[in-house]
Amino acid sequence: MPSEPKRLRSEKDAAGFQTAILRKEAGFHDAWAKDLRVEDVPVREAFEAPTAPECRFILQRMGDLRGKRLLDVGAGLGEASVYFALLGADVTLTDVSAEMVEFAVRLGQRHGVHLSAVVSPTEGLAISKNHFDFVYAGNLIHHLVDRKIFFEKAQEVLKPGGY
């Protein structure tokens, strides 16, 4: 007979559950980042490939990025962060994985761009309010523990009129 799914009984149980998930996510992505070389990450291809129409659509909607502040949430390897910086954006990236953040910064250095970086779970972003012109979250939503908190945080860090 199948067992009954575990039910969380309190906010404390929920917080512990979220912490466990975040640790698991960070551990998985830390191991992945340790197994890669920045030389093997195609930055321009990720956005310019014919198989990436959504990236071209996003770029078209963003317009000229020169001088714009962009937050890349859940940046992973940092290909998008680096690409946006190559287009002139002032990029801050975040990820729950310290190894991914370090990898993304090295990827930026390889491509001659500076990236500001923060190790943080998406739901716990400690970023200045009304600071960014854009919040970018590519391939992130399925990793979130609490989507509502993420969208609230994204709204907080955007400047008025930001996207």
N, C-alpha and C. Protein backbone atom coordinates (compact mmCIF):
# COMPACT_ATOMS: atom_id res chain seq x y z
N MET A 1 0.85 -1.17 0.00
CA MET A 1 0.00 0.00 0.00
C MET A 1 0.89 1.24 0.00
N PRO A 2 0.66 2.20 -0.89
CA PRO A 2 1.49 3.39 -0.95
C PRO A 2 1.37 4.21 0.33
N SER A 3 2.49 4.81 0.71
CA SER A 3 2.46 5.63 1.92
C SER A 3 1.83 6.98 1.63
N GLU A 4 1.28 7.56 2.66
CA GLU A 4 0.65 8.88 2.58
C GLU A 4 1.75 9.93 2.41
N PRO A 5 1.56 10.95 1.54
CA PRO A 5 2.58 11.99 1.39
C PRO A 5 2.77 12.74 2.70
N LYS A 6 3.99 13.15 2.97
CA LYS A 6 4.30 13.88 4.19
C LYS A 6 3.62 15.25 4.14
N ARG A 7 2.93 15.59 5.18
CA ARG A 7 2.25 16.87 5.29
C ARG A 7 3.02 17.75 6.27
N LEU A 8 3.22 19.00 5.88
CA LEU A 8 3.89 19.95 6.76
C LEU A 8 2.88 20.46 7.77
N ARG A 9 3.28 20.48 9.04
CA ARG A 9 2.34 20.83 10.10
C ARG A 9 2.46 22.26 10.60
N SER A 10 3.56 22.91 10.29
CA SER A 10 3.74 24.25 10.82
C SER A 10 4.63 25.07 9.89
N GLU A 11 4.72 26.37 10.21
CA GLU A 11 5.63 27.22 9.44
C GLU A 11 7.06 26.75 9.63
N LYS A 12 7.38 26.26 10.82
CA LYS A 12 8.73 25.75 11.09
C LYS A 12 9.04 24.56 10.18
N ASP A 13 8.07 23.65 10.04
CA ASP A 13 8.25 22.51 9.14
C ASP A 13 8.43 22.99 7.70
N ALA A 14 7.63 23.98 7.30
CA ALA A 14 7.72 24.52 5.93
C ALA A 14 9.08 25.16 5.71
N ALA A 15 9.56 25.92 6.68
CA ALA A 15 10.88 26.57 6.55
C ALA A 15 11.97 25.52 6.45
N GLY A 16 11.87 24.47 7.25
CA GLY A 16 12.87 23.39 7.19
C GLY A 16 12.86 22.69 5.85
N PHE A 17 11.66 22.47 5.31
CA PHE A 17 11.50 21.86 4.00
C PHE A 17 12.15 22.72 2.92
N GLN A 18 11.87 24.05 2.96
CA GLN A 18 12.45 24.97 1.99
C GLN A 18 13.97 24.99 2.10
N THR A 19 14.49 25.00 3.31
CA THR A 19 15.93 25.00 3.52
C THR A 19 16.55 23.74 2.94
N ALA A 20 15.92 22.60 3.16
CA ALA A 20 16.44 21.33 2.62
C ALA A 20 16.47 21.35 1.10
N ILE A 21 15.41 21.88 0.48
CA ILE A 21 15.37 21.97 -0.98
C ILE A 21 16.48 22.89 -1.49
N LEU A 22 16.65 24.04 -0.85
CA LEU A 22 17.69 24.98 -1.28
C LEU A 22 19.08 24.36 -1.15
N ARG A 23 19.32 23.63 -0.06
CA ARG A 23 20.62 22.96 0.10
C ARG A 23 20.86 21.94 -1.01
N LYS A 24 19.81 21.20 -1.34
CA LYS A 24 19.92 20.19 -2.40
C LYS A 24 20.20 20.85 -3.75
N GLU A 25 19.48 21.93 -4.06
CA GLU A 25 19.70 22.69 -5.30
C GLU A 25 21.13 23.22 -5.36
N ALA A 26 21.57 23.84 -4.27
CA ALA A 26 22.92 24.42 -4.23
C ALA A 26 23.96 23.32 -4.41
N GLY A 27 23.79 22.20 -3.75
CA GLY A 27 24.75 21.10 -3.87
C GLY A 27 24.84 20.55 -5.28
N PHE A 28 23.69 20.35 -5.90
CA PHE A 28 23.67 19.85 -7.28
C PHE A 28 24.39 20.82 -8.21
N HIS A 29 24.06 22.11 -8.11
CA HIS A 29 24.65 23.10 -9.01
C HIS A 29 26.11 23.38 -8.68
N ASP A 30 26.50 23.28 -7.41
CA ASP A 30 27.92 23.40 -7.06
C ASP A 30 28.73 22.30 -7.76
N ALA A 31 28.24 21.07 -7.69
CA ALA A 31 28.94 19.95 -8.33
C ALA A 31 29.02 20.15 -9.85
N TRP A 32 27.96 20.62 -10.45
CA TRP A 32 27.93 20.86 -11.89
C TRP A 32 28.97 21.90 -12.27
N ALA A 33 29.02 23.01 -11.54
CA ALA A 33 29.96 24.08 -11.85
C ALA A 33 31.41 23.63 -11.71
N LYS A 34 31.68 22.78 -10.73
CA LYS A 34 33.04 22.29 -10.52
C LYS A 34 33.51 21.39 -11.66
N ASP A 35 32.57 20.86 -12.42
CA ASP A 35 32.88 19.91 -13.48
C ASP A 35 33.01 20.58 -14.85
N LEU A 36 32.93 21.92 -14.92
CA LEU A 36 32.95 22.63 -16.19
C LEU A 36 34.17 23.53 -16.34
N ARG A 37 34.44 23.89 -17.58
CA ARG A 37 35.50 24.86 -17.89
C ARG A 37 34.85 26.05 -18.59
N VAL A 38 35.28 27.26 -18.21
CA VAL A 38 34.70 28.45 -18.84
C VAL A 38 34.94 28.46 -20.34
N GLU A 39 36.01 27.84 -20.78
CA GLU A 39 36.33 27.80 -22.21
C GLU A 39 35.28 27.05 -23.02
N ASP A 40 34.50 26.21 -22.34
CA ASP A 40 33.53 25.37 -23.04
C ASP A 40 32.11 25.93 -23.05
N VAL A 41 31.92 27.13 -22.53
CA VAL A 41 30.58 27.70 -22.44
C VAL A 41 30.37 28.71 -23.57
N PRO A 42 29.48 28.40 -24.51
CA PRO A 42 29.21 29.33 -25.62
C PRO A 42 28.24 30.43 -25.19
N VAL A 43 28.74 31.64 -25.09
CA VAL A 43 27.91 32.75 -24.61
C VAL A 43 27.03 33.30 -25.71
N ARG A 44 27.62 33.75 -26.79
CA ARG A 44 26.83 34.36 -27.88
C ARG A 44 25.85 33.36 -28.50
N GLU A 45 26.28 32.14 -28.66
CA GLU A 45 25.43 31.13 -29.27
C GLU A 45 24.13 30.91 -28.49
N ALA A 46 24.18 31.06 -27.17
CA ALA A 46 22.99 30.84 -26.35
C ALA A 46 21.87 31.80 -26.72
N PHE A 47 22.23 33.02 -27.14
CA PHE A 47 21.21 34.01 -27.48
C PHE A 47 21.01 34.19 -28.98
N GLU A 48 22.00 33.86 -29.75
CA GLU A 48 21.93 34.16 -31.17
C GLU A 48 21.61 32.95 -32.05
N ALA A 49 21.53 31.79 -31.45
CA ALA A 49 21.26 30.57 -32.23
C ALA A 49 19.86 30.61 -32.83
N PRO A 50 19.71 30.05 -34.03
CA PRO A 50 18.37 29.98 -34.63
C PRO A 50 17.38 29.22 -33.76
N THR A 51 17.88 28.37 -32.89
CA THR A 51 17.01 27.57 -32.01
C THR A 51 16.65 28.31 -30.72
N ALA A 52 16.98 29.59 -30.63
CA ALA A 52 16.68 30.37 -29.42
C ALA A 52 15.79 31.58 -29.74
N PRO A 53 14.63 31.36 -30.36
CA PRO A 53 13.79 32.50 -30.72
C PRO A 53 13.31 33.29 -29.50
N GLU A 54 13.14 32.60 -28.36
CA GLU A 54 12.68 33.32 -27.18
C GLU A 54 13.73 34.34 -26.71
N CYS A 55 15.00 34.01 -26.88
CA CYS A 55 16.07 34.95 -26.50
C CYS A 55 16.05 36.18 -27.40
N ARG A 56 15.89 35.96 -28.67
CA ARG A 56 15.83 37.11 -29.59
C ARG A 56 14.61 37.97 -29.29
N PHE A 57 13.49 37.35 -28.94
CA PHE A 57 12.29 38.10 -28.58
C PHE A 57 12.55 38.95 -27.34
N ILE A 58 13.16 38.35 -26.32
CA ILE A 58 13.46 39.07 -25.08
C ILE A 58 14.39 40.24 -25.36
N LEU A 59 15.43 40.01 -26.14
CA LEU A 59 16.37 41.08 -26.46
C LEU A 59 15.68 42.22 -27.21
N GLN A 60 14.81 41.88 -28.12
CA GLN A 60 14.07 42.89 -28.88
C GLN A 60 13.22 43.74 -27.93
N ARG A 61 12.56 43.10 -26.99
CA ARG A 61 11.71 43.81 -26.03
C ARG A 61 12.54 44.70 -25.11
N MET A 62 13.76 44.28 -24.78
CA MET A 62 14.61 45.06 -23.88
C MET A 62 15.15 46.32 -24.54
N GLY A 63 15.44 46.22 -25.81
CA GLY A 63 16.01 47.37 -26.52
C GLY A 63 17.49 47.54 -26.18
N ASP A 64 17.97 48.76 -26.30
CA ASP A 64 19.38 49.08 -26.06
C ASP A 64 19.70 48.89 -24.57
N LEU A 65 20.64 48.05 -24.27
CA LEU A 65 20.99 47.75 -22.88
C LEU A 65 22.13 48.62 -22.33
N ARG A 66 22.74 49.42 -23.18
CA ARG A 66 23.87 50.23 -22.72
C ARG A 66 23.46 51.12 -21.55
N GLY A 67 24.19 50.96 -20.45
CA GLY A 67 23.95 51.77 -19.27
C GLY A 67 22.76 51.34 -18.42
N LYS A 68 22.07 50.28 -18.81
CA LYS A 68 20.93 49.79 -18.04
C LYS A 68 21.42 48.83 -16.95
N ARG A 69 20.74 48.86 -15.82
CA ARG A 69 21.05 47.93 -14.73
C ARG A 69 20.15 46.71 -14.86
N LEU A 70 20.78 45.54 -14.86
CA LEU A 70 20.04 44.29 -15.08
C LEU A 70 20.40 43.31 -13.97
N LEU A 71 19.39 42.70 -13.39
CA LEU A 71 19.57 41.64 -12.39
C LEU A 71 19.23 40.32 -13.05
N ASP A 72 20.21 39.40 -13.08
CA ASP A 72 20.00 38.06 -13.62
C ASP A 72 19.84 37.13 -12.42
N VAL A 73 18.61 36.70 -12.17
CA VAL A 73 18.28 35.88 -11.01
C VAL A 73 18.39 34.41 -11.38
N GLY A 74 19.09 33.63 -10.55
CA GLY A 74 19.28 32.22 -10.86
C GLY A 74 20.14 32.07 -12.09
N ALA A 75 21.24 32.81 -12.11
CA ALA A 75 22.07 32.97 -13.31
C ALA A 75 22.78 31.70 -13.77
N GLY A 76 22.91 30.72 -12.91
CA GLY A 76 23.58 29.50 -13.32
C GLY A 76 24.99 29.76 -13.81
N LEU A 77 25.33 29.24 -14.97
CA LEU A 77 26.67 29.38 -15.53
C LEU A 77 27.01 30.81 -15.91
N GLY A 78 26.01 31.66 -16.09
CA GLY A 78 26.25 33.07 -16.37
C GLY A 78 26.28 33.45 -17.83
N GLU A 79 25.87 32.54 -18.72
CA GLU A 79 25.91 32.90 -20.15
C GLU A 79 25.07 34.14 -20.44
N ALA A 80 23.87 34.20 -19.89
CA ALA A 80 23.01 35.36 -20.13
C ALA A 80 23.61 36.61 -19.50
N SER A 81 24.13 36.49 -18.29
CA SER A 81 24.75 37.63 -17.61
C SER A 81 25.87 38.22 -18.46
N VAL A 82 26.73 37.36 -18.97
CA VAL A 82 27.86 37.80 -19.78
C VAL A 82 27.34 38.43 -21.08
N TYR A 83 26.37 37.81 -21.70
CA TYR A 83 25.83 38.33 -22.95
C TYR A 83 25.26 39.73 -22.75
N PHE A 84 24.47 39.91 -21.71
CA PHE A 84 23.90 41.22 -21.43
C PHE A 84 25.00 42.25 -21.15
N ALA A 85 26.04 41.84 -20.44
CA ALA A 85 27.16 42.75 -20.17
C ALA A 85 27.90 43.11 -21.45
N LEU A 86 28.05 42.16 -22.35
CA LEU A 86 28.69 42.44 -23.65
C LEU A 86 27.88 43.47 -24.45
N LEU A 87 26.57 43.51 -24.21
CA LEU A 87 25.71 44.49 -24.88
C LEU A 87 25.68 45.83 -24.14
N GLY A 88 26.43 45.93 -23.06
CA GLY A 88 26.56 47.21 -22.36
C GLY A 88 25.79 47.35 -21.07
N ALA A 89 25.10 46.30 -20.62
CA ALA A 89 24.35 46.39 -19.37
C ALA A 89 25.29 46.29 -18.17
N ASP A 90 24.90 46.92 -17.09
CA ASP A 90 25.56 46.79 -15.79
C ASP A 90 24.85 45.64 -15.10
N VAL A 91 25.50 44.48 -15.03
CA VAL A 91 24.83 43.25 -14.62
C VAL A 91 25.22 42.82 -13.21
N THR A 92 24.19 42.51 -12.45
CA THR A 92 24.35 41.83 -11.16
C THR A 92 23.69 40.47 -11.32
N LEU A 93 24.38 39.42 -10.90
CA LEU A 93 23.81 38.09 -11.00
C LEU A 93 23.67 37.48 -9.62
N THR A 94 22.69 36.60 -9.49
CA THR A 94 22.50 35.86 -8.25
C THR A 94 22.29 34.39 -8.58
N ASP A 95 22.67 33.56 -7.64
CA ASP A 95 22.38 32.13 -7.73
C ASP A 95 22.51 31.55 -6.33
N VAL A 96 21.80 30.48 -6.07
CA VAL A 96 21.86 29.80 -4.78
C VAL A 96 23.19 29.04 -4.65
N SER A 97 23.84 28.74 -5.75
CA SER A 97 25.09 27.98 -5.78
C SER A 97 26.31 28.90 -5.80
N ALA A 98 27.11 28.82 -4.75
CA ALA A 98 28.33 29.63 -4.69
C ALA A 98 29.28 29.28 -5.83
N GLU A 99 29.34 28.01 -6.19
CA GLU A 99 30.23 27.59 -7.29
C GLU A 99 29.75 28.13 -8.63
N MET A 100 28.44 28.17 -8.84
CA MET A 100 27.91 28.74 -10.08
C MET A 100 28.21 30.23 -10.15
N VAL A 101 28.06 30.93 -9.05
CA VAL A 101 28.36 32.36 -9.02
C VAL A 101 29.83 32.59 -9.36
N GLU A 102 30.70 31.83 -8.74
CA GLU A 102 32.14 31.97 -9.01
C GLU A 102 32.44 31.65 -10.47
N PHE A 103 31.81 30.62 -11.00
CA PHE A 103 32.01 30.24 -12.40
C PHE A 103 31.56 31.37 -13.32
N ALA A 104 30.37 31.94 -13.05
CA ALA A 104 29.84 33.01 -13.89
C ALA A 104 30.77 34.23 -13.89
N VAL A 105 31.31 34.56 -12.75
CA VAL A 105 32.25 35.70 -12.67
C VAL A 105 33.49 35.41 -13.52
N ARG A 106 34.00 34.17 -13.43
CA ARG A 106 35.16 33.81 -14.27
C ARG A 106 34.81 33.83 -15.75
N LEU A 107 33.60 33.41 -16.09
CA LEU A 107 33.16 33.46 -17.49
C LEU A 107 33.14 34.91 -17.97
N GLY A 108 32.66 35.79 -17.15
CA GLY A 108 32.67 37.21 -17.49
C GLY A 108 34.08 37.73 -17.71
N GLN A 109 34.99 37.35 -16.82
CA GLN A 109 36.39 37.77 -16.97
C GLN A 109 36.97 37.27 -18.28
N ARG A 110 36.65 36.04 -18.63
CA ARG A 110 37.14 35.48 -19.89
C ARG A 110 36.67 36.30 -21.09
N HIS A 111 35.48 36.87 -20.98
CA HIS A 111 34.91 37.66 -22.08
C HIS A 111 35.14 39.16 -21.90
N GLY A 112 35.91 39.52 -20.90
CA GLY A 112 36.28 40.92 -20.72
C GLY A 112 35.21 41.82 -20.13
N VAL A 113 34.28 41.24 -19.37
CA VAL A 113 33.24 42.05 -18.73
C VAL A 113 33.23 41.81 -17.23
N HIS A 114 32.82 42.84 -16.51
CA HIS A 114 32.69 42.74 -15.05
C HIS A 114 31.25 42.40 -14.70
N LEU A 115 31.08 41.47 -13.79
CA LEU A 115 29.77 41.11 -13.28
C LEU A 115 29.78 41.24 -11.77
N SER A 116 28.81 41.92 -11.22
CA SER A 116 28.62 41.91 -9.77
C SER A 116 27.87 40.62 -9.45
N ALA A 117 28.14 40.03 -8.29
CA ALA A 117 27.55 38.74 -8.00
C ALA A 117 27.15 38.61 -6.54
N VAL A 118 26.04 37.90 -6.32
CA VAL A 118 25.52 37.66 -4.98
C VAL A 118 25.11 36.19 -4.88
N VAL A 119 25.59 35.51 -3.85
CA VAL A 119 25.12 34.15 -3.59
C VAL A 119 23.89 34.28 -2.70
N SER A 120 22.75 33.84 -3.23
CA SER A 120 21.51 34.00 -2.49
C SER A 120 20.42 33.13 -3.09
N PRO A 121 19.58 32.55 -2.22
CA PRO A 121 18.38 31.91 -2.78
C PRO A 121 17.49 33.00 -3.37
N THR A 122 16.83 32.68 -4.43
CA THR A 122 16.00 33.64 -5.14
C THR A 122 14.97 34.28 -4.23
N GLU A 123 14.36 33.47 -3.39
CA GLU A 123 13.32 33.98 -2.51
C GLU A 123 13.87 34.87 -1.39
N GLY A 124 15.17 34.87 -1.21
CA GLY A 124 15.76 35.65 -0.12
C GLY A 124 16.66 36.77 -0.61
N LEU A 125 16.41 37.27 -1.80
CA LEU A 125 17.26 38.31 -2.36
C LEU A 125 17.39 39.50 -1.43
N ALA A 126 18.62 39.88 -1.17
CA ALA A 126 18.89 41.06 -0.36
C ALA A 126 19.50 42.10 -1.29
N ILE A 127 18.68 42.67 -2.14
CA ILE A 127 19.13 43.61 -3.17
C ILE A 127 18.38 44.93 -2.94
N SER A 128 19.04 46.02 -3.26
CA SER A 128 18.43 47.35 -3.09
C SER A 128 17.11 47.46 -3.85
N LYS A 129 16.16 48.11 -3.22
CA LYS A 129 14.87 48.35 -3.87
C LYS A 129 15.01 49.43 -4.94
N ASN A 130 14.16 49.34 -5.95
CA ASN A 130 14.09 50.34 -7.02
C ASN A 130 15.45 50.59 -7.68
N HIS A 131 16.18 49.55 -7.93
CA HIS A 131 17.55 49.68 -8.43
C HIS A 131 17.74 49.26 -9.89
N PHE A 132 16.96 48.29 -10.36
CA PHE A 132 17.21 47.69 -11.67
C PHE A 132 16.20 48.10 -12.73
N ASP A 133 16.70 48.22 -13.96
CA ASP A 133 15.83 48.47 -15.11
C ASP A 133 15.17 47.17 -15.58
N PHE A 134 15.88 46.05 -15.39
CA PHE A 134 15.38 44.74 -15.83
C PHE A 134 15.70 43.68 -14.78
N VAL A 135 14.78 42.74 -14.62
CA VAL A 135 15.04 41.51 -13.88
C VAL A 135 14.86 40.39 -14.89
N TYR A 136 15.90 39.61 -15.07
CA TYR A 136 15.88 38.50 -16.02
C TYR A 136 15.95 37.20 -15.22
N ALA A 137 15.10 36.25 -15.55
CA ALA A 137 15.08 34.97 -14.85
C ALA A 137 14.87 33.86 -15.86
N GLY A 138 15.92 33.50 -16.58
CA GLY A 138 15.83 32.48 -17.60
C GLY A 138 15.98 31.08 -17.02
N ASN A 139 15.09 30.20 -17.38
CA ASN A 139 15.15 28.80 -16.94
C ASN A 139 15.21 28.69 -15.42
N LEU A 140 14.41 29.46 -14.74
CA LEU A 140 14.47 29.52 -13.28
C LEU A 140 13.21 29.04 -12.59
N ILE A 141 12.07 29.34 -13.12
CA ILE A 141 10.80 29.18 -12.41
C ILE A 141 10.64 27.77 -11.81
N HIS A 142 11.05 26.75 -12.52
CA HIS A 142 10.88 25.38 -12.01
C HIS A 142 11.78 25.07 -10.82
N HIS A 143 12.76 25.94 -10.52
CA HIS A 143 13.65 25.73 -9.37
C HIS A 143 13.14 26.43 -8.11
N LEU A 144 12.16 27.29 -8.24
CA LEU A 144 11.72 28.10 -7.11
C LEU A 144 10.94 27.29 -6.08
N VAL A 145 11.17 27.59 -4.82
CA VAL A 145 10.42 26.98 -3.74
C VAL A 145 9.11 27.74 -3.56
N ASP A 146 9.16 29.08 -3.68
CA ASP A 146 7.97 29.91 -3.50
C ASP A 146 7.93 30.98 -4.58
N ARG A 147 7.16 30.75 -5.62
CA ARG A 147 7.09 31.67 -6.75
C ARG A 147 6.53 33.04 -6.36
N LYS A 148 5.58 33.04 -5.47
CA LYS A 148 4.97 34.31 -5.04
C LYS A 148 6.03 35.23 -4.44
N ILE A 149 6.86 34.70 -3.59
CA ILE A 149 7.93 35.51 -2.98
C ILE A 149 8.88 36.01 -4.05
N PHE A 150 9.23 35.16 -5.02
CA PHE A 150 10.12 35.59 -6.09
C PHE A 150 9.55 36.79 -6.84
N PHE A 151 8.29 36.71 -7.24
CA PHE A 151 7.70 37.81 -8.01
C PHE A 151 7.59 39.08 -7.18
N GLU A 152 7.33 38.94 -5.89
CA GLU A 152 7.30 40.12 -5.01
C GLU A 152 8.69 40.76 -4.93
N LYS A 153 9.73 39.93 -4.77
CA LYS A 153 11.11 40.44 -4.70
C LYS A 153 11.50 41.10 -6.02
N ALA A 154 11.14 40.49 -7.13
CA ALA A 154 11.47 41.06 -8.44
C ALA A 154 10.84 42.44 -8.58
N GLN A 155 9.59 42.58 -8.16
CA GLN A 155 8.92 43.89 -8.23
C GLN A 155 9.62 44.92 -7.35
N GLU A 156 10.08 44.50 -6.18
CA GLU A 156 10.74 45.42 -5.25
C GLU A 156 12.03 46.00 -5.81
N VAL A 157 12.81 45.18 -6.50
CA VAL A 157 14.13 45.64 -6.96
C VAL A 157 14.07 46.44 -8.25
N LEU A 158 12.93 46.37 -8.95
CA LEU A 158 12.80 47.12 -10.20
C LEU A 158 12.58 48.61 -9.94
N LYS A 159 13.20 49.43 -10.78
CA LYS A 159 12.90 50.85 -10.78
C LYS A 159 11.45 51.03 -11.27
N PRO A 160 10.81 52.15 -10.94
CA PRO A 160 9.50 52.39 -11.54
C PRO A 160 9.62 52.35 -13.07
N GLY A 161 8.73 51.62 -13.70
CA GLY A 161 8.77 51.48 -15.15
C GLY A 161 9.69 50.37 -15.64
N GLY A 162 10.36 49.66 -14.70
CA GLY A 162 11.27 48.59 -15.09
C GLY A 162 10.53 47.34 -15.51
N TYR A 163 11.24 46.43 -16.14
CA TYR A 163 10.66 45.19 -16.65
C TYR A 163 11.34 43.99 -16.03
